[in-house]
Protein backbone atom coordinates (compact mmCIF):
# COMPACT_ATOMS: atom_id res chain seq x y z
CA MET A 1 -0.08 0.00 0.01
CA LYS A 2 2.82 2.39 0.92
CA LYS A 3 4.68 1.86 -2.52
CA THR A 4 1.30 2.37 -4.34
CA ALA A 5 0.58 5.63 -2.57
CA LEU A 6 4.16 6.78 -3.33
CA PHE A 7 3.83 5.92 -6.92
CA SER A 8 0.46 7.85 -7.28
CA ALA A 9 1.99 10.82 -5.70
CA PHE A 10 4.94 10.78 -7.90
CA LEU A 11 2.64 10.82 -11.03
CA ILE A 12 0.52 13.62 -9.81
CA VAL A 13 3.59 15.79 -9.17
CA SER A 14 5.55 14.96 -12.18
CA LEU A 15 3.04 14.93 -14.91
CA SER A 16 1.86 18.37 -15.99
CA SER A 17 -1.74 17.56 -17.08
CA ALA A 18 -4.55 15.03 -16.74
CA GLN A 19 -3.95 14.22 -20.41
CA ASN A 20 -0.29 13.27 -19.64
CA LEU A 21 -1.31 11.37 -16.69
CA HIS A 22 -3.74 9.21 -18.68
CA SER A 23 -1.22 8.81 -21.56
CA TYR A 24 1.48 7.80 -19.10
CA GLN A 25 -0.61 5.05 -17.58
CA THR A 26 -1.09 3.49 -20.96
CA ILE A 27 2.68 3.04 -21.76
CA ASP A 28 4.48 -0.17 -21.72
CA GLN A 29 6.46 -0.59 -18.53
CA LYS A 30 9.74 -0.56 -20.12
CA LEU A 31 9.09 3.12 -21.07
CA ASP A 32 8.31 4.09 -17.54
CA HIS A 33 11.90 5.19 -16.73
CA PHE A 34 12.38 6.99 -19.99
CA ILE A 35 9.13 9.15 -19.32
CA LYS A 36 10.04 9.67 -15.61
CA LYS A 37 13.56 10.92 -16.59
CA PHE A 38 12.21 13.04 -19.36
CA GLU A 39 9.72 14.75 -17.05
CA VAL A 40 12.61 15.79 -14.78
CA GLU A 41 14.85 16.78 -17.62
CA LYS A 42 12.51 19.01 -19.37
CA LYS A 43 12.40 21.41 -16.48
CA SER A 44 15.86 22.48 -17.45
CA TRP A 45 15.06 23.02 -21.25
CA GLN A 46 14.22 26.32 -22.74
CA GLY A 47 11.21 24.63 -24.24
CA GLY A 48 9.90 22.00 -26.46
CA VAL A 49 7.31 19.24 -27.39
CA ILE A 50 7.41 15.49 -27.44
CA ALA A 51 5.12 12.70 -28.44
CA ILE A 52 5.25 9.02 -28.35
CA ILE A 53 3.05 7.12 -30.89
CA GLN A 54 2.32 3.42 -30.61
CA ASN A 55 0.05 1.55 -33.00
CA GLY A 56 -0.99 4.77 -34.54
CA HIS A 57 -2.11 6.27 -31.24
CA VAL A 58 -0.46 9.06 -29.25
CA ILE A 59 0.17 7.41 -25.74
CA TYR A 60 2.15 10.28 -24.35
CA GLN A 61 2.72 14.00 -25.29
CA SER A 62 3.95 17.13 -23.50
CA ALA A 63 4.43 20.68 -24.63
CA PHE A 64 6.53 22.92 -22.26
CA GLY A 65 8.63 25.97 -21.91
CA HIS A 66 8.54 29.29 -23.86
CA THR A 67 8.80 30.37 -27.34
CA LYS A 68 11.02 33.22 -26.71
CA GLY A 69 13.18 33.68 -23.36
CA ARG A 70 11.50 32.93 -20.05
CA ARG A 71 8.68 35.41 -20.67
CA GLY A 72 7.68 34.44 -23.97
CA ALA A 73 4.42 32.72 -24.94
CA LEU A 74 3.95 29.22 -23.68
CA ILE A 75 4.72 26.54 -26.07
CA THR A 76 1.70 24.38 -27.24
CA THR A 77 1.11 21.55 -29.51
CA GLU A 78 0.29 24.23 -32.20
CA THR A 79 3.53 26.15 -31.88
CA LEU A 80 5.60 26.03 -35.03
CA PHE A 81 9.28 24.82 -34.80
CA PRO A 82 11.98 25.21 -37.35
CA LEU A 83 12.66 21.61 -38.41
CA ALA A 84 16.05 22.04 -39.75
CA SER A 85 17.13 18.74 -41.58
CA ILE A 86 13.89 17.03 -40.74
CA SER A 87 12.61 19.12 -43.65
CA LYS A 88 14.27 16.56 -45.88
CA PHE A 89 11.88 14.02 -44.69
CA LEU A 90 8.84 16.21 -45.26
CA SER A 91 10.03 17.33 -48.64
CA ALA A 92 10.58 13.65 -49.67
CA ALA A 93 6.91 12.78 -48.43
CA ALA A 94 5.65 15.69 -50.42
CA VAL A 95 7.49 14.42 -53.53
CA MET A 96 6.10 10.88 -52.87
CA LEU A 97 2.57 12.26 -52.64
CA GLN A 98 3.04 13.57 -56.15
CA VAL A 99 4.61 10.40 -57.25
CA ASP A 100 1.59 8.45 -55.89
CA ARG A 101 -0.76 10.81 -57.96
CA GLY A 102 1.33 10.17 -61.20
CA TYR A 103 2.61 13.74 -61.37
CA LEU A 104 6.34 12.88 -60.84
CA GLN A 105 8.45 9.88 -61.43
CA LEU A 106 11.48 8.91 -59.18
CA ASP A 107 13.69 7.67 -62.03
CA GLU A 108 12.94 10.46 -64.65
CA PRO A 109 16.36 12.18 -65.50
CA PHE A 110 16.83 15.77 -65.31
CA GLN A 111 19.61 17.85 -66.82
CA PHE A 112 20.74 20.90 -64.81
CA SER A 113 22.99 23.55 -66.23
CA CYS A 114 24.88 23.48 -63.00
CA LEU A 115 25.55 19.63 -63.10
CA LYS A 116 27.64 17.57 -65.45
CA TYR A 117 25.41 14.52 -65.71
CA PRO A 118 21.46 14.25 -65.60
CA VAL A 119 20.09 13.22 -62.12
CA THR A 120 16.87 11.77 -61.03
CA LEU A 121 14.66 12.61 -57.97
CA LYS A 122 15.88 9.34 -56.51
CA ASN A 123 19.54 10.49 -56.75
CA ILE A 124 18.73 13.83 -55.19
CA LEU A 125 16.64 12.59 -52.28
CA SER A 126 19.28 9.87 -51.40
CA HIS A 127 22.26 12.30 -51.64
CA THR A 128 23.71 10.19 -54.42
CA THR A 129 24.23 12.87 -57.18
CA GLY A 130 27.94 12.12 -57.27
CA TYR A 131 28.91 15.44 -55.87
CA GLN A 132 30.74 16.19 -52.72
CA PHE A 133 29.60 19.89 -52.16
CA PRO A 134 27.49 20.43 -49.10
CA GLY A 135 27.48 24.24 -49.42
CA ASN A 136 26.71 24.96 -45.76
CA CYS A 137 29.41 27.70 -45.34
CA GLU A 138 28.18 29.46 -48.34
CA ILE A 139 24.51 29.20 -47.19
CA GLU A 140 25.39 30.36 -43.70
CA LYS A 141 27.16 33.44 -45.14
CA GLY A 142 23.85 34.50 -46.79
CA VAL A 143 24.94 33.56 -50.36
CA SER A 144 21.78 33.75 -52.55
CA ARG A 145 20.29 30.63 -54.24
CA ALA A 146 21.40 31.85 -57.73
CA GLN A 147 24.96 32.39 -56.46
CA LEU A 148 24.99 28.92 -54.70
CA LEU A 149 24.07 27.20 -57.96
CA LYS A 150 26.81 29.05 -59.77
CA ILE A 151 29.30 27.91 -57.11
CA LEU A 152 27.85 24.35 -57.75
CA LYS A 153 28.42 24.69 -61.37
CA HIS A 154 32.21 24.91 -60.76
CA GLN A 155 32.30 21.78 -58.59
CA LYS A 156 33.40 18.48 -60.22
CA PRO A 157 31.51 15.26 -59.55
CA THR A 158 33.48 12.50 -58.15
CA ARG A 159 31.16 9.66 -59.11
CA ARG A 160 28.29 9.06 -61.52
CA PRO A 161 24.77 9.74 -60.20
CA GLY A 162 23.64 6.88 -58.13
CA HIS A 163 26.89 6.49 -56.58
CA GLY A 164 29.09 8.50 -54.11
CA TYR A 165 26.90 9.26 -51.24
CA ARG A 166 27.51 12.71 -49.77
CA TYR A 167 24.90 14.52 -47.48
CA SER A 168 24.34 17.87 -49.14
CA ASN A 169 21.77 20.67 -48.37
CA THR A 170 22.64 22.29 -51.65
CA LEU A 171 22.14 19.14 -53.81
CA PHE A 172 19.03 18.08 -51.97
CA SER A 173 17.52 21.55 -52.63
CA LEU A 174 17.39 20.78 -56.38
CA ILE A 175 14.10 19.17 -55.92
CA GLN A 176 12.87 22.73 -55.65
CA ASP A 177 13.88 23.33 -59.38
CA ILE A 178 12.40 19.96 -60.50
CA LEU A 179 9.04 20.74 -58.96
CA THR A 180 9.13 24.25 -60.55
CA PHE A 181 9.87 22.70 -63.91
CA LYS A 182 6.85 20.36 -63.33
CA GLY A 183 4.64 23.44 -62.71
CA ILE A 184 4.34 23.35 -58.89
CA SER A 185 6.51 25.33 -56.54
CA PHE A 186 8.15 23.74 -53.54
CA GLN A 187 5.95 25.75 -51.26
CA GLU A 188 2.82 24.64 -53.04
CA ALA A 189 3.88 21.05 -52.73
CA ILE A 190 4.41 21.41 -48.99
CA GLN A 191 0.95 23.19 -48.80
CA ASP A 192 -0.52 20.32 -50.67
CA LEU A 193 0.90 17.89 -48.13
CA ALA A 194 -0.48 19.99 -45.31
CA TYR A 195 -3.85 20.13 -46.90
CA THR A 196 -3.91 16.29 -47.43
CA LEU A 197 -3.13 15.94 -43.83
CA ASN A 198 -5.76 18.44 -42.81
CA THR A 199 -3.25 20.45 -40.80
CA LEU A 200 -1.99 24.01 -40.39
CA GLY A 201 1.00 22.72 -38.55
CA ILE A 202 3.27 22.37 -41.54
CA GLN A 203 4.39 25.58 -43.15
CA THR A 204 7.16 27.34 -45.12
CA LEU A 205 8.10 31.09 -45.38
CA PRO A 206 6.41 33.37 -45.13
CA LEU A 207 4.71 32.05 -41.98
CA PRO A 208 1.15 32.98 -41.08
CA SER A 209 1.17 35.88 -38.66
CA ASP A 210 -1.44 34.25 -36.44
CA LEU A 211 0.71 31.17 -35.66
CA THR A 212 3.22 31.36 -32.82
CA VAL A 213 6.86 30.22 -33.57
CA ALA A 214 9.44 28.93 -31.17
CA HIS A 215 12.69 30.97 -31.54
CA PRO A 216 16.05 29.26 -31.31
CA HIS A 217 18.06 29.68 -28.08
CA LEU A 218 21.64 29.22 -26.98
CA LYS A 219 22.44 27.97 -23.41
CA ILE A 220 25.15 30.42 -22.30
CA ASP A 221 25.98 29.05 -18.81
CA PRO A 222 25.49 25.84 -16.72
CA TYR A 223 22.76 27.72 -14.62
CA GLY A 224 20.17 27.44 -17.29
CA THR A 225 20.61 31.01 -18.83
CA PHE A 226 19.54 31.12 -22.41
CA LYS A 227 20.12 33.63 -25.18
CA THR A 228 17.32 34.14 -27.65
CA LEU A 229 18.35 34.11 -31.27
CA PRO A 230 16.44 35.37 -34.40
CA LEU A 231 14.48 32.93 -36.28
CA PRO A 232 16.74 31.25 -38.96
CA ARG A 233 16.81 33.08 -42.28
CA PHE A 234 19.36 31.61 -44.71
CA TYR A 235 18.49 27.83 -44.85
CA PRO A 236 14.71 28.51 -45.09
CA GLN A 237 15.20 31.00 -47.70
CA THR A 238 17.96 29.44 -49.74
CA VAL A 239 17.35 25.71 -49.43
CA PRO A 240 13.89 25.26 -47.92
CA ALA A 241 13.40 21.74 -49.15
CA ALA A 242 16.64 20.82 -47.15
CA ALA A 243 16.22 22.76 -44.12
CA GLY A 244 13.49 25.34 -44.29
CA VAL A 245 10.17 23.73 -43.27
CA PHE A 246 8.39 24.66 -39.97
CA ALA A 247 6.07 22.39 -38.15
CA SER A 248 4.07 22.01 -34.85
CA LEU A 249 3.84 18.85 -32.80
CA ASP A 250 0.26 18.51 -34.10
CA GLY A 251 1.44 18.73 -37.57
CA MET A 252 4.31 16.20 -37.10
CA ILE A 253 1.89 13.66 -35.44
CA ALA A 254 -0.21 13.79 -38.65
CA PHE A 255 2.99 13.62 -40.80
CA PHE A 256 4.10 10.64 -38.73
CA LYS A 257 0.82 8.73 -39.39
CA PHE A 258 1.07 9.60 -43.05
CA CYS A 259 4.56 8.25 -43.48
CA PHE A 260 4.47 5.12 -41.21
CA GLY A 261 1.49 3.27 -42.76
CA TYR A 262 -1.52 4.60 -40.77
CA ARG A 263 -3.14 6.53 -43.64
CA PRO A 264 -3.45 4.33 -46.68
CA ASP A 265 -6.57 6.40 -47.47
CA LEU A 266 -4.06 9.26 -48.34
CA ILE A 267 -1.16 7.56 -50.03
CA SER A 268 -0.53 3.93 -51.06
CA THR A 269 1.62 1.73 -48.81
CA VAL A 270 3.76 0.64 -51.72
CA THR A 271 4.58 4.30 -52.49
CA VAL A 272 5.37 5.46 -49.11
CA ASN A 273 7.39 2.38 -48.27
CA LYS A 274 9.86 3.51 -51.13
CA LEU A 275 11.01 6.21 -48.62
CA PHE A 276 12.44 3.44 -46.42
CA ASN A 277 14.31 1.40 -48.93
CA PRO A 278 18.13 1.57 -48.04
CA ILE A 279 19.93 3.17 -50.86
CA ALA A 280 23.19 4.68 -49.75
CA GLN A 281 25.29 3.11 -46.94
CA ASN A 282 27.29 5.71 -44.92
CA ARG A 283 29.00 6.49 -41.72
CA ASP A 284 27.44 9.79 -40.87
CA ILE A 285 26.82 8.66 -37.31
CA GLU A 286 30.48 8.80 -36.64
CA ARG A 287 30.04 12.54 -36.33
CA TRP A 288 27.41 12.09 -33.62
CA SER A 289 29.02 12.35 -30.12
CA ASN A 290 27.71 11.52 -26.71
CA ILE A 291 24.81 9.29 -28.12
CA PRO A 292 23.35 6.54 -25.97
CA TRP A 293 23.49 3.78 -28.73
CA PRO A 294 21.84 0.47 -28.00
CA CYS A 295 25.18 -1.39 -28.86
CA PRO A 296 28.69 -0.21 -29.77
CA ARG A 297 28.55 2.34 -32.61
CA ASN A 298 30.56 0.16 -35.01
CA LYS A 299 27.71 -2.37 -34.67
CA ILE A 300 25.22 0.15 -36.07
CA GLN A 301 24.64 0.01 -39.79
CA SER A 302 23.70 3.40 -41.33
CA ASN A 303 21.79 3.78 -44.52
CA TYR A 304 20.06 6.66 -46.32
CA GLY A 305 16.80 6.07 -48.14
CA LEU A 306 14.60 8.89 -49.65
CA GLY A 307 14.85 11.86 -47.24
CA CYS A 308 15.38 9.64 -44.17
CA ARG A 309 17.91 7.51 -42.36
CA ILE A 310 17.59 3.82 -41.79
CA LEU A 311 19.68 2.57 -38.77
CA THR A 312 20.13 -1.05 -37.81
CA ALA A 313 21.41 -2.35 -34.49
CA LEU A 314 23.23 -5.49 -35.75
CA PRO A 315 23.22 -7.46 -32.43
CA TYR A 316 19.49 -7.13 -32.30
CA PRO A 317 18.05 -8.93 -35.49
CA ASN A 318 15.57 -6.72 -37.35
CA GLU A 319 15.70 -3.84 -34.97
CA LYS A 320 15.61 -0.90 -37.30
CA LEU A 321 15.16 2.85 -36.62
CA ILE A 322 13.80 4.91 -39.47
CA CYS A 323 14.59 8.36 -38.54
CA HIS A 324 15.91 11.91 -39.09
CA SER A 325 17.42 14.57 -36.87
CA GLY A 326 17.73 18.23 -37.43
CA TYR A 327 20.09 20.88 -36.05
CA LEU A 328 20.49 24.68 -36.59
CA SER A 329 21.96 27.05 -34.15
CA GLY A 330 19.52 27.05 -31.24
CA ILE A 331 17.29 24.38 -32.68
CA SER A 332 17.25 20.53 -32.16
CA THR A 333 14.74 18.25 -33.78
CA PHE A 334 14.08 14.36 -34.11
CA ILE A 335 11.56 11.96 -35.56
CA GLY A 336 11.99 8.14 -35.32
CA PHE A 337 10.02 5.08 -35.90
CA ILE A 338 10.77 1.43 -34.78
CA PRO A 339 8.83 -0.80 -37.13
CA SER A 340 9.41 -4.05 -35.06
CA LYS A 341 7.49 -2.49 -32.13
CA ASP A 342 5.14 -0.18 -34.10
CA ILE A 343 6.29 2.68 -31.94
CA GLY A 344 7.97 6.03 -32.63
CA ILE A 345 8.96 9.37 -31.07
CA ILE A 346 8.83 13.04 -32.03
CA VAL A 347 11.17 15.53 -30.23
CA LEU A 348 11.39 19.30 -31.11
CA ALA A 349 13.26 21.66 -28.98
CA ASN A 350 14.27 25.23 -29.31
CA GLN A 351 17.62 25.17 -27.94
CA ASN A 352 21.11 23.89 -28.99
CA SER A 353 23.19 20.92 -28.09
CA GLY A 354 21.45 18.24 -30.09
CA ILE A 355 19.32 17.12 -27.23
CA SER A 356 16.51 15.80 -29.39
CA LEU A 357 18.81 13.48 -31.27
CA LYS A 358 20.10 12.13 -27.93
CA LYS A 359 16.59 11.61 -26.61
CA GLY A 360 15.46 9.92 -29.84
CA ILE A 361 18.30 7.41 -29.84
CA GLU A 362 17.91 6.89 -26.10
CA PHE A 363 14.24 6.02 -26.87
CA TRP A 364 15.37 3.50 -29.53
CA THR A 365 17.71 1.88 -27.04
CA THR A 366 14.96 1.85 -24.27
CA VAL A 367 12.58 0.04 -26.59
CA ILE A 368 14.75 -2.42 -28.21
CA LYS A 369 17.44 -3.24 -25.60
CA GLU A 370 17.38 -6.25 -23.43
CA THR A 371 17.62 -5.93 -19.72
CA THR A 372 21.26 -6.61 -19.95
CA HIS A 373 23.28 -6.20 -23.13
CA PRO A 374 24.30 -9.54 -24.56
CA TYR A 375 28.10 -8.53 -24.47
CA LEU A 376 27.80 -7.26 -20.81
CA ARG A 377 25.78 -10.33 -19.87
CA ARG A 378 28.58 -12.61 -21.09
CA ARG A 379 31.11 -10.50 -19.06
CA LEU A 380 28.89 -10.84 -15.83
CA ARG A 381 28.64 -14.55 -16.11
CA THR A 382 32.39 -14.66 -16.40
CA LYS A 383 32.76 -12.52 -13.37
CA LYS A 384 30.36 -14.49 -11.50
CA HIS A 385 32.24 -17.59 -12.35
CA HIS A 386 35.62 -16.28 -11.02
CA SER A 387 34.19 -14.31 -8.17
CA PRO A 388 31.63 -16.37 -6.37
CA GLN A 389 31.64 -14.25 -3.16
CA LYS A 390 29.65 -11.00 -2.93
CA ARG A 391 31.25 -7.97 -1.59
CA CYS A 392 29.03 -6.07 0.91
CA ARG A 393 28.76 -2.37 1.04
């Protein structure tokens, strides 16, 4: 009785609303620790939103913090966040919606004046154009799109299209030009996706004035002091398909259901599943530091599909994570889905340090990892064999 009373008291204190309390009680027990830990951690964040979705249903969500400084508007599930590189996932989905309707073809070649060889939408969406030019330095200096493409024209491909993976905001943004060639702007394609999903929570510039937006923040000391930054300009203006989409938690939940098989009434399963076919193996994850992987990082297989990543934890058969993270100065975002468990997570934060990516991978680890990792379990058995006596403390 005493334990039950303490547990109930903890829930009432730690969860911020009746909705959160109800959602929390429906979560599988192995996620209890993850939720409890997050409820404590979020108090030190500038602000953010999170949702856990299982079997197509939101089983936990929370919106917390402020859009701007400590006195800004409260963040809600309708607050827009700059998505940074998660924009690629939404852009790819918007393209696949047009493919499903017969307006676009993934393998149709397009010849750009700035490229040596014709490329397809599949090449662009999978970062396999054969070029090694990311263009981030130029974008962050405010170089215009026209100038950026002129710079690209002077780059030399290292491989033929379909080979030579290189993650590139500049090359990915070429889908904007293909859409324009087909008679639809990128902004219209995103609007079409949002309309199909029946949400106002997916937007591009210019943003509607009646919607609140979470501003980026930098943590400037260990005491929780944040500096408010202006909304990102250069990426949303220059390469919106790669890093310029804005979305709310409500919008991202609708997008999640669209992509991961819960809305066959909106797009065929065959079409949407093409997003997740591994195309280009890579080691981008080697640049991700301080990540709570479910196994040693060299045992994580990393592939890129169409606008998304497919990670596989090799020691755990069939345990994949379909995901994408995003990072801009003062913004951290993540979306991930674990097909084997039919569960996923969305985390959007308006502060720096890549915290959303860390929470996303931690979630994957929590869901798929055994109580004791197989490598560690073998070591423990060995220790027990050689050290039969317990040491008291």
